[in-house]
Amino acid sequence: MSTYNSEPEDELETITMALKTCQESNNLKSCMQCTSFLDCNLRKQYVLDVYNSMNKGNTGGFEF
């Protein structure tokens, strides 16, 4: 889902919507309740996109 041309915030918004859709379709309020929690590629991408959003797409530290 991530592309190098996209802004980190755009990627985060897109993956967040996809994650919420997945949770709703599985009648879950949290990914932690899912049996695929540790193996879920969607969630792994969400974590990466959160990281990229926090550090504005750069390697290194976070910008709060």
C-alpha atoms as a PDB file:
ATOM      1  CA  MET A   1       0.000   0.000   0.000  1.00  0.00           C
ATOM      2  CA  SER A   2       2.796   2.415   0.705  1.00  0.00           C
ATOM      3  CA  THR A   3       4.342   4.288  -2.159  1.00  0.00           C
ATOM      4  CA  TYR A   4       7.340   6.542  -2.124  1.00  0.00           C
ATOM      5  CA  ASN A   5       5.414   9.293  -3.923  1.00  0.00           C
ATOM      6  CA  SER A   6       2.706   9.644  -1.263  1.00  0.00           C
ATOM      7  CA  GLU A   7       2.795  11.818   1.791  1.00  0.00           C
ATOM      8  CA  PRO A   8       3.049   9.827   5.046  1.00  0.00           C
ATOM      9  CA  GLU A   9      -0.213  11.362   6.320  1.00  0.00           C
ATOM     10  CA  ASP A  10      -2.075  10.300   3.156  1.00  0.00           C
ATOM     11  CA  GLU A  11      -0.799   6.750   3.478  1.00  0.00           C
ATOM     12  CA  LEU A  12      -1.782   6.677   7.143  1.00  0.00           C
ATOM     13  CA  GLU A  13      -5.303   7.889   6.380  1.00  0.00           C
ATOM     14  CA  THR A  14      -5.741   5.255   3.662  1.00  0.00           C
ATOM     15  CA  ILE A  15      -4.458   2.362   5.753  1.00  0.00           C
ATOM     16  CA  THR A  16      -6.457   3.518   8.791  1.00  0.00           C
ATOM     17  CA  MET A  17      -9.672   3.401   6.762  1.00  0.00           C
ATOM     18  CA  ALA A  18      -8.776  -0.065   5.453  1.00  0.00           C
ATOM     19  CA  LEU A  19      -8.020  -1.295   8.975  1.00  0.00           C
ATOM     20  CA  LYS A  20     -11.319   0.064  10.333  1.00  0.00           C
ATOM     21  CA  THR A  21     -13.196  -1.554   7.454  1.00  0.00           C
ATOM     22  CA  CYS A  22     -11.548  -4.881   8.241  1.00  0.00           C
ATOM     23  CA  GLN A  23     -12.427  -4.580  11.928  1.00  0.00           C
ATOM     24  CA  GLU A  24     -16.039  -3.722  11.130  1.00  0.00           C
ATOM     25  CA  SER A  25     -16.405  -6.566   8.622  1.00  0.00           C
ATOM     26  CA  ASN A  26     -15.142  -8.994  11.286  1.00  0.00           C
ATOM     27  CA  ASN A  27     -17.264  -7.438  14.061  1.00  0.00           C
ATOM     28  CA  LEU A  28     -14.176  -6.425  16.030  1.00  0.00           C
ATOM     29  CA  LYS A  29     -13.428  -3.288  18.010  1.00  0.00           C
ATOM     30  CA  SER A  30      -9.685  -3.922  18.027  1.00  0.00           C
ATOM     31  CA  CYS A  31      -7.133  -5.824  15.990  1.00  0.00           C
ATOM     32  CA  MET A  32      -5.980  -7.497  19.189  1.00  0.00           C
ATOM     33  CA  GLN A  33      -9.204  -9.543  19.211  1.00  0.00           C
ATOM     34  CA  CYS A  34      -8.442 -10.980  15.755  1.00  0.00           C
ATOM     35  CA  THR A  35      -6.983 -14.466  15.344  1.00  0.00           C
ATOM     36  CA  SER A  36      -4.666 -13.088  12.619  1.00  0.00           C
ATOM     37  CA  PHE A  37      -3.316 -10.305  14.844  1.00  0.00           C
ATOM     38  CA  LEU A  38       0.351 -11.330  14.662  1.00  0.00           C
ATOM     39  CA  ASP A  39       0.290 -12.350  10.993  1.00  0.00           C
ATOM     40  CA  CYS A  40      -1.870  -9.583   9.529  1.00  0.00           C
ATOM     41  CA  ASN A  41      -0.179  -7.753   6.653  1.00  0.00           C
ATOM     42  CA  LEU A  42      -2.726  -4.937   6.835  1.00  0.00           C
ATOM     43  CA  ARG A  43      -1.859  -4.270  10.469  1.00  0.00           C
ATOM     44  CA  LYS A  44       1.883  -4.529   9.759  1.00  0.00           C
ATOM     45  CA  GLN A  45       1.494  -1.903   7.035  1.00  0.00           C
ATOM     46  CA  TYR A  46      -0.505   0.284   9.445  1.00  0.00           C
ATOM     47  CA  VAL A  47       2.321   0.148  11.990  1.00  0.00           C
ATOM     48  CA  LEU A  48       4.862   1.101   9.301  1.00  0.00           C
ATOM     49  CA  ASP A  49       2.679   3.958   8.077  1.00  0.00           C
ATOM     50  CA  VAL A  50       2.239   5.277  11.635  1.00  0.00           C
ATOM     51  CA  TYR A  51       6.019   5.242  12.028  1.00  0.00           C
ATOM     52  CA  ASN A  52       6.500   7.010   8.677  1.00  0.00           C
ATOM     53  CA  SER A  53       3.889   9.599   9.584  1.00  0.00           C
ATOM     54  CA  MET A  54       5.563  10.289  12.912  1.00  0.00           C
ATOM     55  CA  ASN A  55       8.989  10.807  11.364  1.00  0.00           C
ATOM     56  CA  LYS A  56       7.610  12.579   8.270  1.00  0.00           C
ATOM     57  CA  GLY A  57       8.897   9.843   5.949  1.00  0.00           C
ATOM     58  CA  ASN A  58      12.531  10.282   6.976  1.00  0.00           C
ATOM     59  CA  THR A  59      14.712   7.695   8.608  1.00  0.00           C
ATOM     60  CA  GLY A  60      15.689   8.407  12.162  1.00  0.00           C
ATOM     61  CA  GLY A  61      13.813  10.061  14.992  1.00  0.00           C
ATOM     62  CA  PHE A  62      10.245  11.166  15.479  1.00  0.00           C
ATOM     63  CA  GLU A  63       8.751  14.626  15.214  1.00  0.00           C
ATOM     64  CA  PHE A  64       6.078  15.182  17.873  1.00  0.00           C
END
